[in-house]
Amino acid sequence: MALRSVGKCTQMTTVYKICTRADWLAAEAVGAFDGSGDDLRDGFIHLSTGEQVEGTIARHFADVDELMILAVEADRLGNSLIWEKSRGGGMFPHLGAPLALNLVAWVQPLARQTDGSRVLPVLD
């Protein structure tokens, strides 16, 4: 799938990557996150805005137990960050390059509560 830029973020924001703990540990071992299997298949790393994180988890990670959330300031990603319109019309951030771990502002696990929901940090 070829990426085409349909817009740039006009105000700086934080973008987030949801990944498995195993994917995060593999990234730590090499100093970069090349993407999940889905990211590698699609040719870019899927990211989310703070408003999109819950929907991303519900749609793509509902059955995954050990999840991590990574936060990255969008302006640090340069021209590799592309905003693309999704099927629902929202603008989703995609990263067209591996994510260097020195760009990650913070990372934390997404614990599951007894009702199955996730404990999310405060997101921008």
PDB file of N, CA and C in Angstrom:
ATOM      1  N   MET A   1       0.853  -1.180   0.000  1.00  0.00           N
ATOM      2  CA  MET A   1       0.000   0.000   0.000  1.00  0.00           C
ATOM      3  C   MET A   1       0.892   1.235   0.000  1.00  0.00           C
ATOM      4  N   ALA A   2       0.719   2.087  -0.944  1.00  0.00           N
ATOM      5  CA  ALA A   2       1.510   3.316  -1.023  1.00  0.00           C
ATOM      6  C   ALA A   2       0.882   4.381  -0.136  1.00  0.00           C
ATOM      7  N   LEU A   3       1.726   5.081   0.546  1.00  0.00           N
ATOM      8  CA  LEU A   3       1.250   6.186   1.370  1.00  0.00           C
ATOM      9  C   LEU A   3       1.202   7.456   0.546  1.00  0.00           C
ATOM     10  N   ARG A   4       0.197   8.227   0.770  1.00  0.00           N
ATOM     11  CA  ARG A   4       0.192   9.550   0.177  1.00  0.00           C
ATOM     12  C   ARG A   4      -0.215  10.520   1.265  1.00  0.00           C
ATOM     13  N   SER A   5       0.476  11.604   1.306  1.00  0.00           N
ATOM     14  CA  SER A   5       0.198  12.589   2.331  1.00  0.00           C
ATOM     15  C   SER A   5      -1.030  13.384   1.941  1.00  0.00           C
ATOM     16  N   VAL A   6      -2.009  13.376   2.823  1.00  0.00           N
ATOM     17  CA  VAL A   6      -3.196  14.184   2.566  1.00  0.00           C
ATOM     18  C   VAL A   6      -3.269  15.341   3.531  1.00  0.00           C
ATOM     19  N   GLY A   7      -2.255  15.496   4.322  1.00  0.00           N
ATOM     20  CA  GLY A   7      -2.252  16.623   5.229  1.00  0.00           C
ATOM     21  C   GLY A   7      -1.144  16.521   6.253  1.00  0.00           C
ATOM     22  N   LYS A   8      -0.861  17.638   6.824  1.00  0.00           N
ATOM     23  CA  LYS A   8       0.096  17.726   7.922  1.00  0.00           C
ATOM     24  C   LYS A   8      -0.668  18.182   9.142  1.00  0.00           C
ATOM     25  N   CYS A   9      -0.198  17.800  10.273  1.00  0.00           N
ATOM     26  CA  CYS A   9      -0.798  18.252  11.520  1.00  0.00           C
ATOM     27  C   CYS A   9      -0.463  19.734  11.688  1.00  0.00           C
ATOM     28  N   THR A  10      -1.477  20.570  11.856  1.00  0.00           N
ATOM     29  CA  THR A  10      -1.216  21.999  11.963  1.00  0.00           C
ATOM     30  C   THR A  10      -0.806  22.416  13.368  1.00  0.00           C
ATOM     31  N   GLN A  11      -1.139  21.628  14.376  1.00  0.00           N
ATOM     32  CA  GLN A  11      -0.650  21.926  15.708  1.00  0.00           C
ATOM     33  C   GLN A  11       0.102  20.690  16.194  1.00  0.00           C
ATOM     34  N   MET A  12       1.175  20.933  16.895  1.00  0.00           N
ATOM     35  CA  MET A  12       1.980  19.814  17.331  1.00  0.00           C
ATOM     36  C   MET A  12       1.209  19.000  18.345  1.00  0.00           C
ATOM     37  N   THR A  13       1.391  17.727  18.257  1.00  0.00           N
ATOM     38  CA  THR A  13       0.664  16.809  19.102  1.00  0.00           C
ATOM     39  C   THR A  13       1.550  15.624  19.426  1.00  0.00           C
ATOM     40  N   THR A  14       1.102  14.847  20.350  1.00  0.00           N
ATOM     41  CA  THR A  14       1.756  13.589  20.655  1.00  0.00           C
ATOM     42  C   THR A  14       1.023  12.500  19.905  1.00  0.00           C
ATOM     43  N   VAL A  15       1.773  11.581  19.327  1.00  0.00           N
ATOM     44  CA  VAL A  15       1.190  10.414  18.676  1.00  0.00           C
ATOM     45  C   VAL A  15       1.615   9.189  19.476  1.00  0.00           C
ATOM     46  N   TYR A  16       0.847   8.128  19.337  1.00  0.00           N
ATOM     47  CA  TYR A  16       1.030   6.955  20.169  1.00  0.00           C
ATOM     48  C   TYR A  16       1.094   5.700  19.319  1.00  0.00           C
ATOM     49  N   LYS A  17       1.901   4.757  19.769  1.00  0.00           N
ATOM     50  CA  LYS A  17       1.964   3.436  19.160  1.00  0.00           C
ATOM     51  C   LYS A  17       1.545   2.429  20.211  1.00  0.00           C
ATOM     52  N   ILE A  18       0.598   1.593  19.877  1.00  0.00           N
ATOM     53  CA  ILE A  18       0.199   0.481  20.718  1.00  0.00           C
ATOM     54  C   ILE A  18       0.921  -0.740  20.162  1.00  0.00           C
ATOM     55  N   CYS A  19       1.591  -1.474  21.023  1.00  0.00           N
ATOM     56  CA  CYS A  19       2.284  -2.675  20.558  1.00  0.00           C
ATOM     57  C   CYS A  19       2.290  -3.720  21.652  1.00  0.00           C
ATOM     58  N   THR A  20       2.656  -4.926  21.280  1.00  0.00           N
ATOM     59  CA  THR A  20       2.760  -5.987  22.271  1.00  0.00           C
ATOM     60  C   THR A  20       4.040  -5.799  23.082  1.00  0.00           C
ATOM     61  N   ARG A  21       4.056  -6.360  24.245  1.00  0.00           N
ATOM     62  CA  ARG A  21       5.257  -6.309  25.086  1.00  0.00           C
ATOM     63  C   ARG A  21       6.416  -6.987  24.357  1.00  0.00           C
ATOM     64  N   ALA A  22       6.154  -8.103  23.675  1.00  0.00           N
ATOM     65  CA  ALA A  22       7.200  -8.817  22.936  1.00  0.00           C
ATOM     66  C   ALA A  22       7.793  -7.930  21.843  1.00  0.00           C
ATOM     67  N   ASP A  23       6.951  -7.192  21.110  1.00  0.00           N
ATOM     68  CA  ASP A  23       7.455  -6.280  20.074  1.00  0.00           C
ATOM     69  C   ASP A  23       8.305  -5.172  20.689  1.00  0.00           C
ATOM     70  N   TRP A  24       7.884  -4.657  21.857  1.00  0.00           N
ATOM     71  CA  TRP A  24       8.656  -3.599  22.517  1.00  0.00           C
ATOM     72  C   TRP A  24      10.013  -4.118  22.974  1.00  0.00           C
ATOM     73  N   LEU A  25      10.033  -5.310  23.566  1.00  0.00           N
ATOM     74  CA  LEU A  25      11.298  -5.884  24.023  1.00  0.00           C
ATOM     75  C   LEU A  25      12.247  -6.132  22.849  1.00  0.00           C
ATOM     76  N   ALA A  26      11.698  -6.567  21.725  1.00  0.00           N
ATOM     77  CA  ALA A  26      12.526  -6.769  20.529  1.00  0.00           C
ATOM     78  C   ALA A  26      13.091  -5.437  20.041  1.00  0.00           C
ATOM     79  N   ALA A  27      12.290  -4.391  20.088  1.00  0.00           N
ATOM     80  CA  ALA A  27      12.749  -3.058  19.675  1.00  0.00           C
ATOM     81  C   ALA A  27      13.848  -2.558  20.604  1.00  0.00           C
ATOM     82  N   GLU A  28      13.683  -2.766  21.903  1.00  0.00           N
ATOM     83  CA  GLU A  28      14.704  -2.344  22.862  1.00  0.00           C
ATOM     84  C   GLU A  28      16.039  -3.041  22.589  1.00  0.00           C
ATOM     85  N   ALA A  29      15.974  -4.269  22.146  1.00  0.00           N
ATOM     86  CA  ALA A  29      17.195  -5.037  21.906  1.00  0.00           C
ATOM     87  C   ALA A  29      18.011  -4.472  20.748  1.00  0.00           C
ATOM     88  N   VAL A  30      17.323  -3.832  19.780  1.00  0.00           N
ATOM     89  CA  VAL A  30      18.034  -3.311  18.598  1.00  0.00           C
ATOM     90  C   VAL A  30      18.045  -1.787  18.520  1.00  0.00           C
ATOM     91  N   GLY A  31      17.298  -1.103  19.386  1.00  0.00           N
ATOM     92  CA  GLY A  31      17.301   0.354  19.410  1.00  0.00           C
ATOM     93  C   GLY A  31      16.349   1.025  18.449  1.00  0.00           C
ATOM     94  N   ALA A  32      15.479   0.248  17.829  1.00  0.00           N
ATOM     95  CA  ALA A  32      14.484   0.825  16.910  1.00  0.00           C
ATOM     96  C   ALA A  32      13.279  -0.107  16.821  1.00  0.00           C
ATOM     97  N   PHE A  33      12.127   0.489  16.571  1.00  0.00           N
ATOM     98  CA  PHE A  33      10.908  -0.281  16.375  1.00  0.00           C
ATOM     99  C   PHE A  33      10.603  -0.276  14.885  1.00  0.00           C
ATOM    100  N   ASP A  34      10.741  -1.445  14.269  1.00  0.00           N
ATOM    101  CA  ASP A  34      10.480  -1.569  12.832  1.00  0.00           C
ATOM    102  C   ASP A  34       9.006  -1.755  12.533  1.00  0.00           C
ATOM    103  N   GLY A  35       8.237  -2.082  13.538  1.00  0.00           N
ATOM    104  CA  GLY A  35       6.803  -2.254  13.361  1.00  0.00           C
ATOM    105  C   GLY A  35       6.353  -3.651  13.717  1.00  0.00           C
ATOM    106  N   SER A  36       5.073  -3.763  13.921  1.00  0.00           N
ATOM    107  CA  SER A  36       4.444  -5.063  14.174  1.00  0.00           C
ATOM    108  C   SER A  36       4.313  -5.798  12.842  1.00  0.00           C
ATOM    109  N   GLY A  37       3.817  -7.003  12.908  1.00  0.00           N
ATOM    110  CA  GLY A  37       3.563  -7.745  11.671  1.00  0.00           C
ATOM    111  C   GLY A  37       2.623  -6.992  10.744  1.00  0.00           C
ATOM    112  N   ASP A  38       1.570  -6.388  11.307  1.00  0.00           N
ATOM    113  CA  ASP A  38       0.634  -5.606  10.486  1.00  0.00           C
ATOM    114  C   ASP A  38       1.316  -4.382   9.882  1.00  0.00           C
ATOM    115  N   ASP A  39       2.162  -3.717  10.682  1.00  0.00           N
ATOM    116  CA  ASP A  39       2.885  -2.545  10.175  1.00  0.00           C
ATOM    117  C   ASP A  39       3.788  -2.946   9.011  1.00  0.00           C
ATOM    118  N   LEU A  40       4.529  -4.026   9.194  1.00  0.00           N
ATOM    119  CA  LEU A  40       5.452  -4.484   8.145  1.00  0.00           C
ATOM    120  C   LEU A  40       4.683  -4.854   6.881  1.00  0.00           C
ATOM    121  N   ARG A  41       3.536  -5.506   7.041  1.00  0.00           N
ATOM    122  CA  ARG A  41       2.697  -5.859   5.894  1.00  0.00           C
ATOM    123  C   ARG A  41       2.214  -4.611   5.149  1.00  0.00           C
ATOM    124  N   ASP A  42       1.827  -3.582   5.909  1.00  0.00           N
ATOM    125  CA  ASP A  42       1.252  -2.381   5.298  1.00  0.00           C
ATOM    126  C   ASP A  42       2.307  -1.388   4.815  1.00  0.00           C
ATOM    127  N   GLY A  43       3.551  -1.551   5.233  1.00  0.00           N
ATOM    128  CA  GLY A  43       4.619  -0.687   4.753  1.00  0.00           C
ATOM    129  C   GLY A  43       4.793   0.606   5.543  1.00  0.00           C
ATOM    130  N   PHE A  44       4.155   0.700   6.704  1.00  0.00           N
ATOM    131  CA  PHE A  44       4.305   1.872   7.565  1.00  0.00           C
ATOM    132  C   PHE A  44       3.882   1.481   8.970  1.00  0.00           C
ATOM    133  N   ILE A  45       4.305   2.266   9.948  1.00  0.00           N
ATOM    134  CA  ILE A  45       3.928   2.016  11.333  1.00  0.00           C
ATOM    135  C   ILE A  45       2.652   2.783  11.636  1.00  0.00           C
ATOM    136  N   HIS A  46       1.633   2.048  12.044  1.00  0.00           N
ATOM    137  CA  HIS A  46       0.352   2.647  12.412  1.00  0.00           C
ATOM    138  C   HIS A  46       0.487   3.343  13.759  1.00  0.00           C
ATOM    139  N   LEU A  47       0.099   4.594  13.813  1.00  0.00           N
ATOM    140  CA  LEU A  47       0.100   5.376  15.042  1.00  0.00           C
ATOM    141  C   LEU A  47      -1.315   5.867  15.304  1.00  0.00           C
ATOM    142  N   SER A  48      -1.536   6.433  16.458  1.00  0.00           N
ATOM    143  CA  SER A  48      -2.838   6.994  16.815  1.00  0.00           C
ATOM    144  C   SER A  48      -2.649   8.307  17.545  1.00  0.00           C
ATOM    145  N   THR A  49      -3.639   9.177  17.440  1.00  0.00           N
ATOM    146  CA  THR A  49      -3.677  10.364  18.289  1.00  0.00           C
ATOM    147  C   THR A  49      -4.248   9.930  19.631  1.00  0.00           C
ATOM    148  N   GLY A  50      -4.190  10.815  20.611  1.00  0.00           N
ATOM    149  CA  GLY A  50      -4.763  10.507  21.911  1.00  0.00           C
ATOM    150  C   GLY A  50      -6.235  10.137  21.828  1.00  0.00           C
ATOM    151  N   GLU A  51      -6.964  10.810  20.961  1.00  0.00           N
ATOM    152  CA  GLU A  51      -8.394  10.538  20.800  1.00  0.00           C
ATOM    153  C   GLU A  51      -8.664   9.198  20.128  1.00  0.00           C
ATOM    154  N   GLN A  52      -7.684   8.669  19.407  1.00  0.00           N
ATOM    155  CA  GLN A  52      -7.872   7.427  18.656  1.00  0.00           C
ATOM    156  C   GLN A  52      -7.408   6.182  19.399  1.00  0.00           C
ATOM    157  N   VAL A  53      -6.673   6.351  20.490  1.00  0.00           N
ATOM    158  CA  VAL A  53      -6.056   5.208  21.170  1.00  0.00           C
ATOM    159  C   VAL A  53      -7.086   4.172  21.616  1.00  0.00           C
ATOM    160  N   GLU A  54      -8.142   4.583  22.283  1.00  0.00           N
ATOM    161  CA  GLU A  54      -9.134   3.612  22.760  1.00  0.00           C
ATOM    162  C   GLU A  54      -9.739   2.815  21.620  1.00  0.00           C
ATOM    163  N   GLY A  55     -10.071   3.470  20.525  1.00  0.00           N
ATOM    164  CA  GLY A  55     -10.624   2.773  19.364  1.00  0.00           C
ATOM    165  C   GLY A  55      -9.622   1.816  18.738  1.00  0.00           C
ATOM    166  N   THR A  56      -8.366   2.225  18.694  1.00  0.00           N
ATOM    167  CA  THR A  56      -7.319   1.356  18.151  1.00  0.00           C
ATOM    168  C   THR A  56      -7.192   0.094  18.997  1.00  0.00           C
ATOM    169  N   ILE A  57      -7.187   0.260  20.309  1.00  0.00           N
ATOM    170  CA  ILE A  57      -7.095  -0.904  21.195  1.00  0.00           C
ATOM    171  C   ILE A  57      -8.300  -1.813  21.002  1.00  0.00           C
ATOM    172  N   ALA A  58      -9.496  -1.232  20.982  1.00  0.00           N
ATOM    173  CA  ALA A  58     -10.719  -2.026  20.835  1.00  0.00           C
ATOM    174  C   ALA A  58     -10.751  -2.787  19.512  1.00  0.00           C
ATOM    175  N   ARG A  59     -10.331  -2.144  18.431  1.00  0.00           N
ATOM    176  CA  ARG A  59     -10.396  -2.768  17.107  1.00  0.00           C
ATOM    177  C   ARG A  59      -9.290  -3.778  16.846  1.00  0.00           C
ATOM    178  N   HIS A  60      -8.101  -3.492  17.319  1.00  0.00           N
ATOM    179  CA  HIS A  60      -6.948  -4.285  16.900  1.00  0.00           C
ATOM    180  C   HIS A  60      -6.244  -5.064  18.014  1.00  0.00           C
ATOM    181  N   PHE A  61      -6.531  -4.748  19.273  1.00  0.00           N
ATOM    182  CA  PHE A  61      -5.790  -5.371  20.365  1.00  0.00           C
ATOM    183  C   PHE A  61      -6.680  -5.870  21.495  1.00  0.00           C
ATOM    184  N   ALA A  62      -7.957  -6.037  21.255  1.00  0.00           N
ATOM    185  CA  ALA A  62      -8.889  -6.406  22.320  1.00  0.00           C
ATOM    186  C   ALA A  62      -8.506  -7.715  23.007  1.00  0.00           C
ATOM    187  N   ASP A  63      -7.961  -8.658  22.263  1.00  0.00           N
ATOM    188  CA  ASP A  63      -7.645  -9.968  22.829  1.00  0.00           C
ATOM    189  C   ASP A  63      -6.180 -10.126  23.218  1.00  0.00           C
ATOM    190  N   VAL A  64      -5.410  -9.050  23.148  1.00  0.00           N
ATOM    191  CA  VAL A  64      -3.983  -9.119  23.455  1.00  0.00           C
ATOM    192  C   VAL A  64      -3.783  -8.747  24.921  1.00  0.00           C
ATOM    193  N   ASP A  65      -3.101  -9.609  25.659  1.00  0.00           N
ATOM    194  CA  ASP A  65      -2.945  -9.374  27.092  1.00  0.00           C
ATOM    195  C   ASP A  65      -1.860  -8.360  27.427  1.00  0.00           C
ATOM    196  N   GLU A  66      -0.674  -8.528  26.913  1.00  0.00           N
ATOM    197  CA  GLU A  66       0.446  -7.675  27.326  1.00  0.00           C
ATOM    198  C   GLU A  66       0.695  -6.580  26.293  1.00  0.00           C
ATOM    199  N   LEU A  67       0.075  -5.425  26.534  1.00  0.00           N
ATOM    200  CA  LEU A  67       0.215  -4.296  25.624  1.00  0.00           C
ATOM    201  C   LEU A  67       1.065  -3.202  26.242  1.00  0.00           C
ATOM    202  N   MET A  68       1.701  -2.451  25.354  1.00  0.00           N
ATOM    203  CA  MET A  68       2.477  -1.284  25.744  1.00  0.00           C
ATOM    204  C   MET A  68       1.958  -0.098  24.945  1.00  0.00           C
ATOM    205  N   ILE A  69       2.131   1.089  25.495  1.00  0.00           N
ATOM    206  CA  ILE A  69       1.834   2.316  24.747  1.00  0.00           C
ATOM    207  C   ILE A  69       3.093   3.165  24.748  1.00  0.00           C
ATOM    208  N   LEU A  70       3.454   3.641  23.564  1.00  0.00           N
ATOM    209  CA  LEU A  70       4.621   4.494  23.373  1.00  0.00           C
ATOM    210  C   LEU A  70       4.137   5.867  22.965  1.00  0.00           C
ATOM    211  N   ALA A  71       4.725   6.911  23.507  1.00  0.00           N
ATOM    212  CA  ALA A  71       4.370   8.287  23.162  1.00  0.00           C
ATOM    213  C   ALA A  71       5.543   8.940  22.439  1.00  0.00           C
ATOM    214  N   VAL A  72       5.228   9.651  21.355  1.00  0.00           N
ATOM    215  CA  VAL A  72       6.250  10.344  20.563  1.00  0.00           C
ATOM    216  C   VAL A  72       5.693  11.706  20.167  1.00  0.00           C
ATOM    217  N   GLU A  73       6.494  12.753  20.327  1.00  0.00           N
ATOM    218  CA  GLU A  73       6.087  14.071  19.855  1.00  0.00           C
ATOM    219  C   GLU A  73       6.112  14.059  18.331  1.00  0.00           C
ATOM    220  N   ALA A  74       4.997  14.396  17.725  1.00  0.00           N
ATOM    221  CA  ALA A  74       4.853  14.308  16.273  1.00  0.00           C
ATOM    222  C   ALA A  74       5.908  15.113  15.527  1.00  0.00           C
ATOM    223  N   ASP A  75       6.260  16.279  16.039  1.00  0.00           N
ATOM    224  CA  ASP A  75       7.221  17.121  15.314  1.00  0.00           C
ATOM    225  C   ASP A  75       8.617  16.502  15.270  1.00  0.00           C
ATOM    226  N   ARG A  76       8.909  15.552  16.140  1.00  0.00           N
ATOM    227  CA  ARG A  76      10.221  14.896  16.134  1.00  0.00           C
ATOM    228  C   ARG A  76      10.344  13.860  15.017  1.00  0.00           C
ATOM    229  N   LEU A  77       9.232  13.505  14.377  1.00  0.00           N
ATOM    230  CA  LEU A  77       9.245  12.475  13.343  1.00  0.00           C
ATOM    231  C   LEU A  77       9.508  13.023  11.945  1.00  0.00           C
ATOM    232  N   GLY A  78       9.488  14.330  11.801  1.00  0.00           N
ATOM    233  CA  GLY A  78       9.821  14.959  10.523  1.00  0.00           C
ATOM    234  C   GLY A  78       8.915  14.524   9.381  1.00  0.00           C
ATOM    235  N   ASN A  79       9.497  14.452   8.197  1.00  0.00           N
ATOM    236  CA  ASN A  79       8.732  14.123   6.990  1.00  0.00           C
ATOM    237  C   ASN A  79       8.320  12.660   6.912  1.00  0.00           C
ATOM    238  N   SER A  80       8.810  11.840   7.834  1.00  0.00           N
ATOM    239  CA  SER A  80       8.404  10.429   7.845  1.00  0.00           C
ATOM    240  C   SER A  80       6.995  10.241   8.395  1.00  0.00           C
ATOM    241  N   LEU A  81       6.471  11.273   9.058  1.00  0.00           N
ATOM    242  CA  LEU A  81       5.115  11.204   9.598  1.00  0.00           C
ATOM    243  C   LEU A  81       4.136  11.705   8.540  1.00  0.00           C
ATOM    244  N   ILE A  82       3.186  10.862   8.224  1.00  0.00           N
ATOM    245  CA  ILE A  82       2.185  11.180   7.208  1.00  0.00           C
ATOM    246  C   ILE A  82       0.807  11.036   7.839  1.00  0.00           C
ATOM    247  N   TRP A  83      -0.047  12.005   7.580  1.00  0.00           N
ATOM    248  CA  TRP A  83      -1.420  11.956   8.071  1.00  0.00           C
ATOM    249  C   TRP A  83      -2.309  11.545   6.908  1.00  0.00           C
ATOM    250  N   GLU A  84      -3.080  10.494   7.115  1.00  0.00           N
ATOM    251  CA  GLU A  84      -3.901   9.965   6.038  1.00  0.00           C
ATOM    252  C   GLU A  84      -5.337   9.762   6.516  1.00  0.00           C
ATOM    253  N   LYS A  85      -6.266  10.052   5.647  1.00  0.00           N
ATOM    254  CA  LYS A  85      -7.680   9.909   5.978  1.00  0.00           C
ATOM    255  C   LYS A  85      -8.038   8.429   6.046  1.00  0.00           C
ATOM    256  N   SER A  86      -8.752   8.060   7.098  1.00  0.00           N
ATOM    257  CA  SER A  86      -9.179   6.672   7.266  1.00  0.00           C
ATOM    258  C   SER A  86     -10.561   6.479   6.656  1.00  0.00           C
ATOM    259  N   ARG A  87     -11.024   5.238   6.707  1.00  0.00           N
ATOM    260  CA  ARG A  87     -12.354   4.931   6.165  1.00  0.00           C
ATOM    261  C   ARG A  87     -13.431   5.786   6.818  1.00  0.00           C
ATOM    262  N   GLY A  88     -13.276   6.067   8.114  1.00  0.00           N
ATOM    263  CA  GLY A  88     -14.268   6.863   8.824  1.00  0.00           C
ATOM    264  C   GLY A  88     -14.100   8.357   8.645  1.00  0.00           C
ATOM    265  N   GLY A  89     -13.093   8.785   7.896  1.00  0.00           N
ATOM    266  CA  GLY A  89     -12.881  10.198   7.636  1.00  0.00           C
ATOM    267  C   GLY A  89     -11.905  10.881   8.564  1.00  0.00           C
ATOM    268  N   GLY A  90     -11.514  10.230   9.660  1.00  0.00           N
ATOM    269  CA  GLY A  90     -10.542  10.819  10.574  1.00  0.00           C
ATOM    270  C   GLY A  90      -9.137  10.764  10.003  1.00  0.00           C
ATOM    271  N   MET A  91      -8.281  11.652  10.474  1.00  0.00           N
ATOM    272  CA  MET A  91      -6.895  11.680  10.036  1.00  0.00           C
ATOM    273  C   MET A  91      -6.053  10.827  10.987  1.00  0.00           C
ATOM    274  N   PHE A  92      -5.388   9.817  10.430  1.00  0.00           N
ATOM    275  CA  PHE A  92      -4.546   8.929  11.223  1.00  0.00           C
ATOM    276  C   PHE A  92      -3.088   9.153  10.885  1.00  0.00           C
ATOM    277  N   PRO A  93      -2.226   9.179  11.909  1.00  0.00           N
ATOM    278  CA  PRO A  93      -0.794   9.315  11.668  1.00  0.00           C
ATOM    279  C   PRO A  93      -0.163   7.967  11.331  1.00  0.00           C
ATOM    280  N   HIS A  94       0.706   7.983  10.331  1.00  0.00           N
ATOM    281  CA  HIS A  94       1.479   6.805   9.934  1.00  0.00           C
ATOM    282  C   HIS A  94       2.936   7.209   9.844  1.00  0.00           C
ATOM    283  N   LEU A  95       3.805   6.310  10.238  1.00  0.00           N
ATOM    284  CA  LEU A  95       5.232   6.571  10.171  1.00  0.00           C
ATOM    285  C   LEU A  95       5.842   5.706   9.085  1.00  0.00           C
ATOM    286  N   GLY A  96       6.465   6.359   8.113  1.00  0.00           N
ATOM    287  CA  GLY A  96       7.032   5.660   6.968  1.00  0.00           C
ATOM    288  C   GLY A  96       8.482   5.271   7.141  1.00  0.00           C
ATOM    289  N   ALA A  97       8.942   5.091   8.363  1.00  0.00           N
ATOM    290  CA  ALA A  97      10.325   4.725   8.662  1.00  0.00           C
ATOM    291  C   ALA A  97      10.333   4.021  10.010  1.00  0.00           C
ATOM    292  N   PRO A  98      11.393   3.278  10.313  1.00  0.00           N
ATOM    293  CA  PRO A  98      11.486   2.703  11.664  1.00  0.00           C
ATOM    294  C   PRO A  98      11.479   3.815  12.709  1.00  0.00           C
ATOM    295  N   LEU A  99      10.970   3.502  13.873  1.00  0.00           N
ATOM    296  CA  LEU A  99      10.915   4.454  14.974  1.00  0.00           C
ATOM    297  C   LEU A  99      12.151   4.276  15.851  1.00  0.00           C
ATOM    298  N   ALA A 100      13.048   5.262  15.812  1.00  0.00           N
ATOM    299  CA  ALA A 100      14.226   5.229  16.677  1.00  0.00           C
ATOM    300  C   ALA A 100      13.767   5.403  18.115  1.00  0.00           C
ATOM    301  N   LEU A 101      14.242   4.564  18.998  1.00  0.00           N
ATOM    302  CA  LEU A 101      13.761   4.595  20.373  1.00  0.00           C
ATOM    303  C   LEU A 101      14.140   5.858  21.116  1.00  0.00           C
ATOM    304  N   ASN A 102      15.174   6.569  20.666  1.00  0.00           N
ATOM    305  CA  ASN A 102      15.517   7.832  21.313  1.00  0.00           C
ATOM    306  C   ASN A 102      14.468   8.914  21.057  1.00  0.00           C
ATOM    307  N   LEU A 103      13.536   8.660  20.145  1.00  0.00           N
ATOM    308  CA  LEU A 103      12.444   9.603  19.882  1.00  0.00           C
ATOM    309  C   LEU A 103      11.233   9.349  20.779  1.00  0.00           C
ATOM    310  N   VAL A 104      11.217   8.226  21.463  1.00  0.00           N
ATOM    311  CA  VAL A 104      10.084   7.865  22.317  1.00  0.00           C
ATOM    312  C   VAL A 104      10.168   8.668  23.614  1.00  0.00           C
ATOM    313  N   ALA A 105       9.133   9.462  23.879  1.00  0.00           N
ATOM    314  CA  ALA A 105       9.097  10.298  25.085  1.00  0.00           C
ATOM    315  C   ALA A 105       8.877   9.454  26.334  1.00  0.00           C
ATOM    316  N   TRP A 106       7.985   8.479  26.232  1.00  0.00           N
ATOM    317  CA  TRP A 106       7.733   7.572  27.345  1.00  0.00           C
ATOM    318  C   TRP A 106       7.048   6.316  26.827  1.00  0.00           C
ATOM    319  N   VAL A 107       7.150   5.280  27.623  1.00  0.00           N
ATOM    320  CA  VAL A 107       6.503   4.002  27.318  1.00  0.00           C
ATOM    321  C   VAL A 107       5.989   3.413  28.620  1.00  0.00           C
ATOM    322  N   GLN A 108       4.824   2.782  28.563  1.00  0.00           N
ATOM    323  CA  GLN A 108       4.312   2.130  29.759  1.00  0.00           C
ATOM    324  C   GLN A 108       3.370   0.999  29.373  1.00  0.00           C
ATOM    325  N   PRO A 109       3.227   0.032  30.252  1.00  0.00           N
ATOM    326  CA  PRO A 109       2.292  -1.064  29.982  1.00  0.00           C
ATOM    327  C   PRO A 109       0.855  -0.580  30.098  1.00  0.00           C
ATOM    328  N   LEU A 110      -0.020  -1.256  29.385  1.00  0.00           N
ATOM    329  CA  LEU A 110      -1.454  -0.969  29.463  1.00  0.00           C
ATOM    330  C   LEU A 110      -2.116  -2.120  30.207  1.00  0.00           C
ATOM    331  N   ALA A 111      -2.221  -1.970  31.508  1.00  0.00           N
ATOM    332  CA  ALA A 111      -2.784  -3.022  32.349  1.00  0.00           C
ATOM    333  C   ALA A 111      -4.264  -3.222  32.032  1.00  0.00           C
ATOM    334  N   ARG A 112      -4.689  -4.457  32.182  1.00  0.00           N
ATOM    335  CA  ARG A 112      -6.093  -4.787  31.982  1.00  0.00           C
ATOM    336  C   ARG A 112      -6.780  -4.811  33.352  1.00  0.00           C
ATOM    337  N   GLN A 113      -7.947  -4.156  33.424  1.00  0.00           N
ATOM    338  CA  GLN A 113      -8.728  -4.164  34.661  1.00  0.00           C
ATOM    339  C   GLN A 113      -9.569  -5.436  34.719  1.00  0.00           C
ATOM    340  N   THR A 114     -10.191  -5.691  35.850  1.00  0.00           N
ATOM    341  CA  THR A 114     -10.981  -6.912  36.007  1.00  0.00           C
ATOM    342  C   THR A 114     -12.147  -6.979  35.017  1.00  0.00           C
ATOM    343  N   ASP A 115     -12.654  -5.832  34.584  1.00  0.00           N
ATOM    344  CA  ASP A 115     -13.756  -5.837  33.606  1.00  0.00           C
ATOM    345  C   ASP A 115     -13.260  -5.958  32.161  1.00  0.00           C
ATOM    346  N   GLY A 116     -11.940  -6.091  31.986  1.00  0.00           N
ATOM    347  CA  GLY A 116     -11.367  -6.248  30.650  1.00  0.00           C
ATOM    348  C   GLY A 116     -10.907  -4.963  30.005  1.00  0.00           C
ATOM    349  N   SER A 117     -11.327  -3.824  30.541  1.00  0.00           N
ATOM    350  CA  SER A 117     -10.894  -2.547  29.971  1.00  0.00           C
ATOM    351  C   SER A 117      -9.433  -2.279  30.322  1.00  0.00           C
ATOM    352  N   ARG A 118      -8.840  -1.302  29.671  1.00  0.00           N
ATOM    353  CA  ARG A 118      -7.431  -0.954  29.897  1.00  0.00           C
ATOM    354  C   ARG A 118      -7.312   0.280  30.764  1.00  0.00           C
ATOM    355  N   VAL A 119      -6.258   0.335  31.552  1.00  0.00           N
ATOM    356  CA  VAL A 119      -5.936   1.510  32.326  1.00  0.00           C
ATOM    357  C   VAL A 119      -5.064   2.377  31.429  1.00  0.00           C
ATOM    358  N   LEU A 120      -5.617   3.479  30.934  1.00  0.00           N
ATOM    359  CA  LEU A 120      -4.884   4.350  30.034  1.00  0.00           C
ATOM    360  C   LEU A 120      -4.256   5.514  30.795  1.00  0.00           C
ATOM    361  N   PRO A 121      -3.065   5.908  30.403  1.00  0.00           N
ATOM    362  CA  PRO A 121      -2.475   7.109  30.994  1.00  0.00           C
ATOM    363  C   PRO A 121      -3.209   8.339  30.456  1.00  0.00           C
ATOM    364  N   VAL A 122      -2.949   9.479  31.039  1.00  0.00           N
ATOM    365  CA  VAL A 122      -3.490  10.730  30.511  1.00  0.00           C
ATOM    366  C   VAL A 122      -2.795  10.993  29.178  1.00  0.00           C
ATOM    367  N   LEU A 123      -3.589  11.173  28.122  1.00  0.00           N
ATOM    368  CA  LEU A 123      -3.052  11.363  26.775  1.00  0.00           C
ATOM    369  C   LEU A 123      -3.343  12.767  26.289  1.00  0.00           C
ATOM    370  N   ASP A 124      -2.387  13.313  25.506  1.00  0.00           N
ATOM    371  CA  ASP A 124      -2.579  14.649  24.907  1.00  0.00           C
ATOM    372  C   ASP A 124      -3.630  14.595  23.828  1.00  0.00           C
TER     373      ASP A 124
END
